[in-house]
Amino acid sequence: MNCPHCHSSSTTEREGRTVHGFRRFRCRGCGRRFNERTGTALNRVQVPRDIVFLVVLWRLRYKLSLRDLAEMFLIRGIVFTHEAVRDWEARLAPMLAEGLRKRRAGKAGRCWHVDETYLKVAGKWCYLYRAIDRDSNLVDVYLSETRDMAAAKAFLRSARSVTQVEPEQVTTDGHASYPRAIADELGTDVDHRTS
């Protein structure tokens, strides 16, 4: 295993394992000690990683409060604070979101329905662009402070790159920026319909 500090391949495995069963190493180049988890998002986390992922999943899926999650696991004998839950969510939610985006590649249909709505996020009003395909599968979402040509183009560019699908038909509301944004980002062969 390469050293995460100096990237040297000259390392030796040390005796024993960490509390969670990870192999331990020492770098001959820089002399630093590390384990298999060093340099990852879960480095120095004292709770087993399957518990951490379960906590983050429940937090995102069921909208449980930080304190409720800590209390639920305390009853089961696993001790951590609500601030640990906040930290794990901040570290892992972007990684989970990126993993889900990668899983959508190539799975969207070729007929998209695009719409935007105005909502408040963290006390600030913004536009949420979203697209679904004919089977109601999510294509992509995009937050923007504005509802203009640049936002529409950025959203369509993102949707195409996430799904790696070129749509045949895009149905939108009658907003004026969509026809040009669709032509510029998706091509002139795409059938644009308004509802």
N, C-alpha and C. Protein backbone atom coordinates (compact mmCIF):
# COMPACT_ATOMS: atom_id res chain seq x y z
N MET A 1 0.86 -1.18 0.00
CA MET A 1 0.00 0.00 0.00
C MET A 1 0.90 1.24 0.00
N ASN A 2 0.55 2.21 -0.82
CA ASN A 2 1.33 3.46 -0.89
C ASN A 2 1.03 4.35 0.31
N CYS A 3 2.03 5.10 0.71
CA CYS A 3 1.88 6.03 1.83
C CYS A 3 0.97 7.19 1.41
N PRO A 4 -0.08 7.50 2.18
CA PRO A 4 -0.96 8.61 1.82
C PRO A 4 -0.32 9.98 2.04
N HIS A 5 0.81 10.02 2.75
CA HIS A 5 1.46 11.29 3.07
C HIS A 5 2.51 11.68 2.01
N CYS A 6 3.44 10.74 1.71
CA CYS A 6 4.50 11.05 0.75
C CYS A 6 4.36 10.25 -0.55
N HIS A 7 3.36 9.37 -0.63
CA HIS A 7 3.05 8.56 -1.82
C HIS A 7 4.15 7.56 -2.17
N SER A 8 4.99 7.23 -1.20
CA SER A 8 6.04 6.24 -1.41
C SER A 8 5.42 4.84 -1.42
N SER A 9 5.98 3.97 -2.25
CA SER A 9 5.50 2.58 -2.26
C SER A 9 6.32 1.71 -1.32
N SER A 10 7.30 2.30 -0.66
CA SER A 10 8.16 1.58 0.26
C SER A 10 7.54 1.61 1.66
N THR A 11 6.63 0.68 1.91
CA THR A 11 5.95 0.62 3.21
C THR A 11 6.04 -0.79 3.76
N THR A 12 5.92 -0.90 5.06
CA THR A 12 5.89 -2.21 5.70
C THR A 12 4.63 -2.33 6.54
N GLU A 13 4.08 -3.52 6.55
CA GLU A 13 2.88 -3.76 7.35
C GLU A 13 3.29 -4.02 8.79
N ARG A 14 2.62 -3.36 9.71
CA ARG A 14 2.91 -3.51 11.13
C ARG A 14 2.07 -4.64 11.71
N GLU A 15 2.47 -5.11 12.87
CA GLU A 15 1.72 -6.17 13.55
C GLU A 15 0.39 -5.64 14.04
N GLY A 16 -0.57 -6.52 14.10
CA GLY A 16 -1.88 -6.18 14.66
C GLY A 16 -2.72 -5.36 13.71
N ARG A 17 -3.91 -5.09 14.17
CA ARG A 17 -4.86 -4.31 13.38
C ARG A 17 -5.47 -3.23 14.27
N THR A 18 -6.15 -2.29 13.64
CA THR A 18 -6.83 -1.25 14.41
C THR A 18 -8.03 -1.85 15.11
N VAL A 19 -8.69 -1.07 15.94
CA VAL A 19 -9.87 -1.53 16.68
C VAL A 19 -10.94 -2.04 15.72
N HIS A 20 -11.04 -1.43 14.55
CA HIS A 20 -12.07 -1.81 13.57
C HIS A 20 -11.57 -2.82 12.55
N GLY A 21 -10.36 -3.36 12.75
CA GLY A 21 -9.86 -4.43 11.89
C GLY A 21 -9.09 -4.00 10.66
N PHE A 22 -8.65 -2.76 10.61
CA PHE A 22 -7.89 -2.29 9.45
C PHE A 22 -6.40 -2.59 9.64
N ARG A 23 -5.73 -2.95 8.54
CA ARG A 23 -4.30 -3.22 8.60
C ARG A 23 -3.53 -1.93 8.87
N ARG A 24 -2.39 -2.05 9.58
CA ARG A 24 -1.58 -0.89 9.92
C ARG A 24 -0.26 -0.96 9.16
N PHE A 25 0.25 0.23 8.78
CA PHE A 25 1.47 0.30 7.98
C PHE A 25 2.41 1.37 8.53
N ARG A 26 3.68 1.29 8.09
CA ARG A 26 4.67 2.31 8.38
C ARG A 26 5.42 2.59 7.09
N CYS A 27 5.60 3.87 6.79
CA CYS A 27 6.31 4.28 5.58
C CYS A 27 7.81 4.33 5.86
N ARG A 28 8.60 3.70 5.02
CA ARG A 28 10.05 3.74 5.18
C ARG A 28 10.61 5.07 4.72
N GLY A 29 9.90 5.74 3.83
CA GLY A 29 10.38 7.02 3.30
C GLY A 29 10.25 8.16 4.30
N CYS A 30 9.04 8.37 4.83
CA CYS A 30 8.82 9.51 5.73
C CYS A 30 8.69 9.08 7.19
N GLY A 31 8.60 7.77 7.44
CA GLY A 31 8.53 7.28 8.81
C GLY A 31 7.17 7.39 9.47
N ARG A 32 6.18 7.85 8.75
CA ARG A 32 4.85 8.03 9.35
C ARG A 32 4.08 6.72 9.36
N ARG A 33 3.19 6.63 10.33
CA ARG A 33 2.34 5.44 10.47
C ARG A 33 0.95 5.76 9.95
N PHE A 34 0.31 4.77 9.36
CA PHE A 34 -1.03 4.96 8.82
C PHE A 34 -1.73 3.61 8.72
N ASN A 35 -3.02 3.65 8.43
CA ASN A 35 -3.77 2.42 8.22
C ASN A 35 -4.54 2.52 6.91
N GLU A 36 -5.33 1.50 6.62
CA GLU A 36 -6.06 1.47 5.34
C GLU A 36 -7.07 2.60 5.21
N ARG A 37 -7.49 3.17 6.32
CA ARG A 37 -8.52 4.21 6.30
C ARG A 37 -7.93 5.62 6.24
N THR A 38 -6.64 5.77 6.44
CA THR A 38 -6.00 7.08 6.45
C THR A 38 -6.21 7.79 5.13
N GLY A 39 -6.60 9.06 5.22
CA GLY A 39 -6.82 9.86 4.02
C GLY A 39 -8.21 9.74 3.43
N THR A 40 -9.08 8.96 4.05
CA THR A 40 -10.45 8.81 3.54
C THR A 40 -11.39 9.69 4.35
N ALA A 41 -12.64 9.75 3.93
CA ALA A 41 -13.63 10.58 4.63
C ALA A 41 -13.92 10.05 6.03
N LEU A 42 -13.66 8.78 6.27
CA LEU A 42 -13.95 8.20 7.58
C LEU A 42 -12.71 8.02 8.45
N ASN A 43 -11.62 8.69 8.10
CA ASN A 43 -10.42 8.61 8.91
C ASN A 43 -10.70 9.16 10.31
N ARG A 44 -10.24 8.47 11.31
CA ARG A 44 -10.37 8.84 12.72
C ARG A 44 -11.79 8.74 13.27
N VAL A 45 -12.70 8.16 12.53
CA VAL A 45 -14.06 7.93 13.04
C VAL A 45 -14.01 6.68 13.91
N GLN A 46 -14.53 6.79 15.13
CA GLN A 46 -14.42 5.71 16.09
C GLN A 46 -15.59 4.73 16.05
N VAL A 47 -16.54 4.98 15.17
CA VAL A 47 -17.72 4.12 15.04
C VAL A 47 -17.56 3.29 13.77
N PRO A 48 -17.99 2.03 13.78
CA PRO A 48 -17.87 1.22 12.56
C PRO A 48 -18.53 1.89 11.36
N ARG A 49 -17.92 1.71 10.20
CA ARG A 49 -18.38 2.43 9.02
C ARG A 49 -19.78 2.05 8.59
N ASP A 50 -20.22 0.80 8.81
CA ASP A 50 -21.58 0.44 8.43
C ASP A 50 -22.60 1.18 9.28
N ILE A 51 -22.27 1.45 10.54
CA ILE A 51 -23.15 2.24 11.41
C ILE A 51 -23.19 3.69 10.91
N VAL A 52 -22.04 4.23 10.55
CA VAL A 52 -21.98 5.62 10.06
C VAL A 52 -22.84 5.77 8.81
N PHE A 53 -22.71 4.85 7.87
CA PHE A 53 -23.51 4.94 6.65
C PHE A 53 -25.00 4.75 6.93
N LEU A 54 -25.34 3.89 7.87
CA LEU A 54 -26.75 3.71 8.24
C LEU A 54 -27.32 4.98 8.86
N VAL A 55 -26.54 5.63 9.71
CA VAL A 55 -26.98 6.89 10.33
C VAL A 55 -27.22 7.95 9.25
N VAL A 56 -26.28 8.10 8.33
CA VAL A 56 -26.42 9.11 7.28
C VAL A 56 -27.60 8.77 6.37
N LEU A 57 -27.77 7.50 6.04
CA LEU A 57 -28.90 7.09 5.20
C LEU A 57 -30.22 7.42 5.88
N TRP A 58 -30.36 7.08 7.15
CA TRP A 58 -31.60 7.38 7.88
C TRP A 58 -31.81 8.88 7.99
N ARG A 59 -30.74 9.63 8.18
CA ARG A 59 -30.86 11.09 8.27
C ARG A 59 -31.39 11.68 6.97
N LEU A 60 -30.87 11.21 5.85
CA LEU A 60 -31.28 11.75 4.56
C LEU A 60 -32.63 11.20 4.10
N ARG A 61 -32.87 9.93 4.34
CA ARG A 61 -34.09 9.30 3.83
C ARG A 61 -35.32 9.62 4.67
N TYR A 62 -35.18 9.59 5.98
CA TYR A 62 -36.34 9.74 6.86
C TYR A 62 -36.40 11.08 7.57
N LYS A 63 -35.44 11.97 7.31
CA LYS A 63 -35.42 13.31 7.89
C LYS A 63 -35.50 13.29 9.41
N LEU A 64 -34.79 12.36 10.02
CA LEU A 64 -34.73 12.31 11.48
C LEU A 64 -33.80 13.41 11.98
N SER A 65 -34.08 13.92 13.17
CA SER A 65 -33.23 14.97 13.72
C SER A 65 -31.89 14.37 14.16
N LEU A 66 -30.90 15.23 14.31
CA LEU A 66 -29.58 14.79 14.74
C LEU A 66 -29.65 14.11 16.10
N ARG A 67 -30.38 14.73 17.01
CA ARG A 67 -30.48 14.18 18.37
C ARG A 67 -31.29 12.88 18.40
N ASP A 68 -32.32 12.78 17.56
CA ASP A 68 -33.10 11.54 17.52
C ASP A 68 -32.23 10.37 17.07
N LEU A 69 -31.40 10.59 16.07
CA LEU A 69 -30.52 9.52 15.60
C LEU A 69 -29.53 9.09 16.67
N ALA A 70 -28.92 10.06 17.34
CA ALA A 70 -27.98 9.73 18.41
C ALA A 70 -28.67 8.94 19.51
N GLU A 71 -29.90 9.32 19.84
CA GLU A 71 -30.66 8.63 20.88
C GLU A 71 -31.07 7.22 20.45
N MET A 72 -31.46 7.06 19.18
CA MET A 72 -31.85 5.73 18.69
C MET A 72 -30.70 4.73 18.80
N PHE A 73 -29.50 5.17 18.51
CA PHE A 73 -28.36 4.27 18.58
C PHE A 73 -27.84 4.12 20.01
N LEU A 74 -28.05 5.13 20.84
CA LEU A 74 -27.68 5.01 22.25
C LEU A 74 -28.46 3.89 22.92
N ILE A 75 -29.73 3.77 22.58
CA ILE A 75 -30.57 2.69 23.12
C ILE A 75 -29.99 1.33 22.72
N ARG A 76 -29.34 1.26 21.57
CA ARG A 76 -28.75 0.01 21.08
C ARG A 76 -27.29 -0.15 21.54
N GLY A 77 -26.81 0.76 22.38
CA GLY A 77 -25.48 0.63 22.95
C GLY A 77 -24.35 1.24 22.13
N ILE A 78 -24.68 2.01 21.11
CA ILE A 78 -23.67 2.66 20.28
C ILE A 78 -23.70 4.15 20.60
N VAL A 79 -22.60 4.67 21.11
CA VAL A 79 -22.57 6.03 21.64
C VAL A 79 -21.86 6.97 20.67
N PHE A 80 -22.56 8.03 20.28
CA PHE A 80 -21.98 9.15 19.54
C PHE A 80 -22.89 10.35 19.75
N THR A 81 -22.39 11.54 19.48
CA THR A 81 -23.15 12.76 19.72
C THR A 81 -23.91 13.18 18.47
N HIS A 82 -24.84 14.10 18.67
CA HIS A 82 -25.57 14.64 17.52
C HIS A 82 -24.63 15.44 16.61
N GLU A 83 -23.57 16.00 17.17
CA GLU A 83 -22.60 16.73 16.35
C GLU A 83 -21.81 15.78 15.46
N ALA A 84 -21.60 14.55 15.93
CA ALA A 84 -20.95 13.54 15.08
C ALA A 84 -21.82 13.24 13.87
N VAL A 85 -23.14 13.17 14.08
CA VAL A 85 -24.07 12.93 12.97
C VAL A 85 -23.97 14.06 11.96
N ARG A 86 -23.92 15.29 12.45
CA ARG A 86 -23.80 16.45 11.56
C ARG A 86 -22.50 16.36 10.74
N ASP A 87 -21.41 15.99 11.39
CA ASP A 87 -20.13 15.87 10.71
C ASP A 87 -20.16 14.76 9.67
N TRP A 88 -20.70 13.61 10.01
CA TRP A 88 -20.78 12.50 9.06
C TRP A 88 -21.63 12.87 7.86
N GLU A 89 -22.74 13.55 8.11
CA GLU A 89 -23.62 13.96 7.01
C GLU A 89 -22.88 14.91 6.06
N ALA A 90 -22.15 15.87 6.64
CA ALA A 90 -21.40 16.83 5.81
C ALA A 90 -20.32 16.13 4.99
N ARG A 91 -19.70 15.11 5.54
CA ARG A 91 -18.64 14.40 4.83
C ARG A 91 -19.18 13.44 3.76
N LEU A 92 -20.26 12.73 4.11
CA LEU A 92 -20.69 11.62 3.25
C LEU A 92 -21.82 11.95 2.29
N ALA A 93 -22.66 12.93 2.60
CA ALA A 93 -23.80 13.23 1.72
C ALA A 93 -23.34 13.60 0.30
N PRO A 94 -22.31 14.45 0.14
CA PRO A 94 -21.86 14.72 -1.24
C PRO A 94 -21.35 13.48 -1.97
N MET A 95 -20.67 12.59 -1.24
CA MET A 95 -20.19 11.36 -1.87
C MET A 95 -21.34 10.46 -2.27
N LEU A 96 -22.36 10.35 -1.41
CA LEU A 96 -23.53 9.54 -1.74
C LEU A 96 -24.28 10.13 -2.93
N ALA A 97 -24.42 11.45 -2.95
CA ALA A 97 -25.11 12.10 -4.06
C ALA A 97 -24.37 11.86 -5.37
N GLU A 98 -23.06 11.96 -5.35
CA GLU A 98 -22.27 11.71 -6.56
C GLU A 98 -22.40 10.26 -7.01
N GLY A 99 -22.42 9.34 -6.05
CA GLY A 99 -22.61 7.93 -6.39
C GLY A 99 -23.96 7.67 -7.04
N LEU A 100 -24.99 8.32 -6.52
CA LEU A 100 -26.32 8.16 -7.11
C LEU A 100 -26.38 8.78 -8.50
N ARG A 101 -25.71 9.90 -8.69
CA ARG A 101 -25.68 10.53 -10.02
C ARG A 101 -25.01 9.59 -11.02
N LYS A 102 -23.93 8.94 -10.62
CA LYS A 102 -23.24 8.02 -11.52
C LYS A 102 -24.10 6.82 -11.88
N ARG A 103 -24.93 6.38 -10.94
CA ARG A 103 -25.80 5.23 -11.20
C ARG A 103 -26.90 5.56 -12.20
N ARG A 104 -27.22 6.85 -12.36
CA ARG A 104 -28.26 7.24 -13.31
C ARG A 104 -27.77 7.27 -14.75
N ALA A 105 -26.47 7.17 -14.94
CA ALA A 105 -25.91 7.29 -16.29
C ALA A 105 -26.51 6.24 -17.22
N GLY A 106 -27.05 6.70 -18.34
CA GLY A 106 -27.61 5.81 -19.34
C GLY A 106 -28.95 5.21 -19.02
N LYS A 107 -29.57 5.59 -17.91
CA LYS A 107 -30.83 4.97 -17.50
C LYS A 107 -32.06 5.84 -17.71
N ALA A 108 -31.88 7.06 -18.15
CA ALA A 108 -33.02 7.94 -18.37
C ALA A 108 -33.62 7.67 -19.74
N GLY A 109 -34.92 7.92 -19.84
CA GLY A 109 -35.59 7.77 -21.12
C GLY A 109 -35.23 8.90 -22.07
N ARG A 110 -35.76 8.85 -23.27
CA ARG A 110 -35.44 9.84 -24.28
C ARG A 110 -36.49 10.94 -24.40
N CYS A 111 -37.52 10.90 -23.57
CA CYS A 111 -38.54 11.95 -23.53
C CYS A 111 -38.51 12.58 -22.15
N TRP A 112 -38.09 13.83 -22.07
CA TRP A 112 -37.95 14.51 -20.79
C TRP A 112 -39.05 15.54 -20.61
N HIS A 113 -39.47 15.69 -19.35
CA HIS A 113 -40.40 16.74 -18.96
C HIS A 113 -39.65 17.65 -18.00
N VAL A 114 -39.48 18.91 -18.38
CA VAL A 114 -38.65 19.85 -17.63
C VAL A 114 -39.54 20.94 -17.04
N ASP A 115 -39.28 21.27 -15.79
CA ASP A 115 -40.04 22.33 -15.12
C ASP A 115 -39.15 22.96 -14.06
N GLU A 116 -39.54 24.12 -13.60
CA GLU A 116 -38.82 24.77 -12.50
C GLU A 116 -39.85 25.32 -11.52
N THR A 117 -39.41 25.44 -10.28
CA THR A 117 -40.27 25.99 -9.24
C THR A 117 -39.45 26.93 -8.38
N TYR A 118 -40.12 27.84 -7.71
CA TYR A 118 -39.48 28.85 -6.87
C TYR A 118 -39.63 28.41 -5.42
N LEU A 119 -38.54 28.24 -4.71
CA LEU A 119 -38.62 27.79 -3.32
C LEU A 119 -37.52 28.43 -2.49
N LYS A 120 -37.68 28.30 -1.19
CA LYS A 120 -36.73 28.89 -0.25
C LYS A 120 -35.79 27.81 0.26
N VAL A 121 -34.48 28.05 0.11
CA VAL A 121 -33.46 27.13 0.58
C VAL A 121 -32.54 27.90 1.50
N ALA A 122 -32.44 27.45 2.75
CA ALA A 122 -31.59 28.11 3.75
C ALA A 122 -31.91 29.59 3.86
N GLY A 123 -33.21 29.91 3.82
CA GLY A 123 -33.65 31.29 4.00
C GLY A 123 -33.53 32.17 2.77
N LYS A 124 -33.16 31.59 1.63
CA LYS A 124 -32.96 32.37 0.42
C LYS A 124 -33.81 31.78 -0.72
N TRP A 125 -34.51 32.63 -1.45
CA TRP A 125 -35.35 32.17 -2.55
C TRP A 125 -34.50 31.83 -3.76
N CYS A 126 -34.81 30.69 -4.39
CA CYS A 126 -34.09 30.28 -5.60
C CYS A 126 -34.99 29.39 -6.45
N TYR A 127 -34.53 29.10 -7.66
CA TYR A 127 -35.27 28.27 -8.59
C TYR A 127 -34.71 26.85 -8.59
N LEU A 128 -35.60 25.88 -8.51
CA LEU A 128 -35.23 24.48 -8.60
C LEU A 128 -35.68 23.96 -9.95
N TYR A 129 -34.72 23.72 -10.83
CA TYR A 129 -35.01 23.11 -12.12
C TYR A 129 -35.00 21.60 -11.93
N ARG A 130 -35.94 20.89 -12.55
CA ARG A 130 -35.95 19.44 -12.46
C ARG A 130 -36.48 18.85 -13.76
N ALA A 131 -36.01 17.67 -14.05
CA ALA A 131 -36.45 16.96 -15.26
C ALA A 131 -36.72 15.51 -14.89
N ILE A 132 -37.81 14.98 -15.44
CA ILE A 132 -38.13 13.56 -15.29
C ILE A 132 -38.36 13.00 -16.69
N ASP A 133 -38.23 11.69 -16.82
CA ASP A 133 -38.52 11.09 -18.12
C ASP A 133 -39.96 10.60 -18.15
N ARG A 134 -40.34 9.95 -19.23
CA ARG A 134 -41.73 9.51 -19.42
C ARG A 134 -42.19 8.54 -18.33
N ASP A 135 -41.25 7.76 -17.76
CA ASP A 135 -41.58 6.78 -16.72
C ASP A 135 -41.46 7.36 -15.32
N SER A 136 -41.36 8.67 -15.20
CA SER A 136 -41.22 9.40 -13.93
C SER A 136 -39.90 9.14 -13.22
N ASN A 137 -38.89 8.70 -13.94
CA ASN A 137 -37.55 8.57 -13.37
C ASN A 137 -36.87 9.93 -13.38
N LEU A 138 -36.17 10.23 -12.30
CA LEU A 138 -35.47 11.50 -12.21
C LEU A 138 -34.34 11.56 -13.22
N VAL A 139 -34.30 12.64 -13.98
CA VAL A 139 -33.19 12.87 -14.91
C VAL A 139 -32.12 13.69 -14.20
N ASP A 140 -32.50 14.87 -13.68
CA ASP A 140 -31.55 15.71 -12.94
C ASP A 140 -32.29 16.84 -12.26
N VAL A 141 -31.63 17.46 -11.29
CA VAL A 141 -32.13 18.66 -10.62
C VAL A 141 -31.01 19.68 -10.59
N TYR A 142 -31.39 20.96 -10.48
CA TYR A 142 -30.39 22.04 -10.51
C TYR A 142 -30.97 23.24 -9.77
N LEU A 143 -30.21 23.81 -8.83
CA LEU A 143 -30.61 25.01 -8.11
C LEU A 143 -29.95 26.23 -8.74
N SER A 144 -30.74 27.29 -8.92
CA SER A 144 -30.21 28.52 -9.51
C SER A 144 -30.84 29.72 -8.83
N GLU A 145 -30.08 30.78 -8.71
CA GLU A 145 -30.62 32.02 -8.15
C GLU A 145 -31.50 32.75 -9.16
N THR A 146 -31.32 32.44 -10.44
CA THR A 146 -32.05 33.14 -11.49
C THR A 146 -32.81 32.16 -12.38
N ARG A 147 -33.80 32.69 -13.08
CA ARG A 147 -34.56 31.92 -14.06
C ARG A 147 -34.32 32.58 -15.42
N ASP A 148 -33.19 32.23 -16.01
CA ASP A 148 -32.80 32.87 -17.26
C ASP A 148 -32.14 31.87 -18.20
N MET A 149 -31.63 32.37 -19.30
CA MET A 149 -31.01 31.53 -20.32
C MET A 149 -29.81 30.77 -19.77
N ALA A 150 -28.97 31.45 -19.01
CA ALA A 150 -27.76 30.81 -18.47
C ALA A 150 -28.12 29.66 -17.55
N ALA A 151 -29.13 29.83 -16.71
CA ALA A 151 -29.56 28.77 -15.80
C ALA A 151 -30.15 27.60 -16.57
N ALA A 152 -30.97 27.88 -17.57
CA ALA A 152 -31.57 26.81 -18.37
C ALA A 152 -30.50 26.02 -19.11
N LYS A 153 -29.51 26.71 -19.66
CA LYS A 153 -28.42 26.03 -20.36
C LYS A 153 -27.60 25.17 -19.39
N ALA A 154 -27.29 25.73 -18.22
CA ALA A 154 -26.50 24.99 -17.24
C ALA A 154 -27.24 23.74 -16.79
N PHE A 155 -28.56 23.86 -16.59
CA PHE A 155 -29.35 22.70 -16.18
C PHE A 155 -29.37 21.62 -17.26
N LEU A 156 -29.62 21.99 -18.50
CA LEU A 156 -29.68 21.01 -19.58
C LEU A 156 -28.31 20.36 -19.81
N ARG A 157 -27.24 21.14 -19.69
CA ARG A 157 -25.88 20.60 -19.82
C ARG A 157 -25.62 19.57 -18.72
N SER A 158 -26.04 19.91 -17.49
CA SER A 158 -25.86 19.00 -16.36
C SER A 158 -26.67 17.72 -16.55
N ALA A 159 -27.92 17.86 -16.99
CA ALA A 159 -28.78 16.69 -17.19
C ALA A 159 -28.20 15.76 -18.24
N ARG A 160 -27.69 16.32 -19.31
CA ARG A 160 -27.11 15.48 -20.37
C ARG A 160 -25.84 14.78 -19.88
N SER A 161 -25.00 15.49 -19.12
CA SER A 161 -23.75 14.88 -18.66
C SER A 161 -24.00 13.81 -17.60
N VAL A 162 -25.01 14.01 -16.74
CA VAL A 162 -25.31 13.03 -15.70
C VAL A 162 -25.86 11.75 -16.30
N THR A 163 -26.82 11.88 -17.20
CA THR A 163 -27.49 10.70 -17.75
C THR A 163 -26.77 10.10 -18.95
N GLN A 164 -25.94 10.89 -19.61
CA GLN A 164 -25.26 10.47 -20.83
C GLN A 164 -26.26 10.01 -21.89
N VAL A 165 -27.43 10.68 -21.90
CA VAL A 165 -28.51 10.37 -22.84
C VAL A 165 -28.84 11.63 -23.61
N GLU A 166 -29.00 11.49 -24.91
CA GLU A 166 -29.47 12.59 -25.75
C GLU A 166 -30.97 12.42 -25.92
N PRO A 167 -31.79 13.32 -25.39
CA PRO A 167 -33.24 13.15 -25.51
C PRO A 167 -33.72 13.40 -26.94
N GLU A 168 -34.83 12.74 -27.27
CA GLU A 168 -35.47 12.97 -28.57
C GLU A 168 -36.53 14.06 -28.46
N GLN A 169 -37.12 14.16 -27.27
CA GLN A 169 -38.22 15.12 -27.06
C GLN A 169 -38.09 15.73 -25.67
N VAL A 170 -38.30 17.04 -25.58
CA VAL A 170 -38.29 17.75 -24.29
C VAL A 170 -39.57 18.57 -24.21
N THR A 171 -40.35 18.33 -23.15
CA THR A 171 -41.59 19.08 -22.92
C THR A 171 -41.35 20.05 -21.78
N THR A 172 -41.65 21.33 -22.01
CA THR A 172 -41.42 22.37 -21.01
C THR A 172 -42.67 23.21 -20.86
N ASP A 173 -42.63 24.11 -19.87
CA ASP A 173 -43.67 25.14 -19.81
C ASP A 173 -43.31 26.19 -20.87
N GLY A 174 -44.01 27.24 -20.95
CA GLY A 174 -43.79 28.20 -22.03
C GLY A 174 -42.70 29.22 -21.79
N HIS A 175 -41.76 28.98 -20.87
CA HIS A 175 -40.73 29.96 -20.58
C HIS A 175 -39.87 30.23 -21.81
N ALA A 176 -39.57 31.49 -22.05
CA ALA A 176 -38.93 31.93 -23.29
C ALA A 176 -37.49 31.43 -23.46
N SER A 177 -36.80 31.09 -22.39
CA SER A 177 -35.39 30.70 -22.52
C SER A 177 -35.21 29.26 -22.97
N TYR A 178 -36.24 28.43 -22.85
CA TYR A 178 -36.06 27.01 -23.17
C TYR A 178 -35.78 26.71 -24.64
N PRO A 179 -36.49 27.29 -25.62
CA PRO A 179 -36.22 26.90 -27.01
C PRO A 179 -34.75 27.08 -27.42
N ARG A 180 -34.18 28.22 -27.10
CA ARG A 180 -32.78 28.46 -27.47
C ARG A 180 -31.83 27.60 -26.64
N ALA A 181 -32.13 27.44 -25.34
CA ALA A 181 -31.27 26.62 -24.49
C ALA A 181 -31.26 25.17 -24.97
N ILE A 182 -32.42 24.66 -25.37
CA ILE A 182 -32.49 23.28 -25.87
C ILE A 182 -31.71 23.16 -27.17
N ALA A 183 -31.88 24.11 -28.06
CA ALA A 183 -31.15 24.07 -29.34
C ALA A 183 -29.65 24.15 -29.13
N ASP A 184 -29.20 25.02 -28.23
CA ASP A 184 -27.76 25.20 -28.00
C ASP A 184 -27.13 24.02 -27.27
N GLU A 185 -27.81 23.47 -26.27
CA GLU A 185 -27.21 22.44 -25.43
C GLU A 185 -27.51 21.01 -25.88
N LEU A 186 -28.70 20.78 -26.45
CA LEU A 186 -29.09 19.42 -26.82
C LEU A 186 -29.13 19.20 -28.33
N GLY A 187 -29.09 20.27 -29.09
CA GLY A 187 -29.10 20.15 -30.55
C GLY A 187 -30.44 20.51 -31.15
N THR A 188 -30.42 20.80 -32.43
CA THR A 188 -31.64 21.23 -33.11
C THR A 188 -32.54 20.06 -33.50
N ASP A 189 -32.05 18.84 -33.39
CA ASP A 189 -32.86 17.66 -33.73
C ASP A 189 -33.85 17.30 -32.63
N VAL A 190 -33.70 17.88 -31.45
CA VAL A 190 -34.59 17.56 -30.33
C VAL A 190 -35.94 18.23 -30.55
N ASP A 191 -37.00 17.44 -30.41
CA ASP A 191 -38.37 17.94 -30.55
C ASP A 191 -38.76 18.67 -29.27
N HIS A 192 -38.98 19.98 -29.34
CA HIS A 192 -39.36 20.77 -28.17
C HIS A 192 -40.86 21.01 -28.18
N ARG A 193 -41.52 20.57 -27.11
CA ARG A 193 -42.96 20.77 -26.97
C ARG A 193 -43.22 21.59 -25.72
N THR A 194 -44.33 22.33 -25.74
CA THR A 194 -44.74 23.09 -24.56
C THR A 194 -46.07 22.55 -24.08
N SER A 195 -46.25 22.58 -22.78
CA SER A 195 -47.50 22.07 -22.21
C SER A 195 -48.39 23.20 -21.77
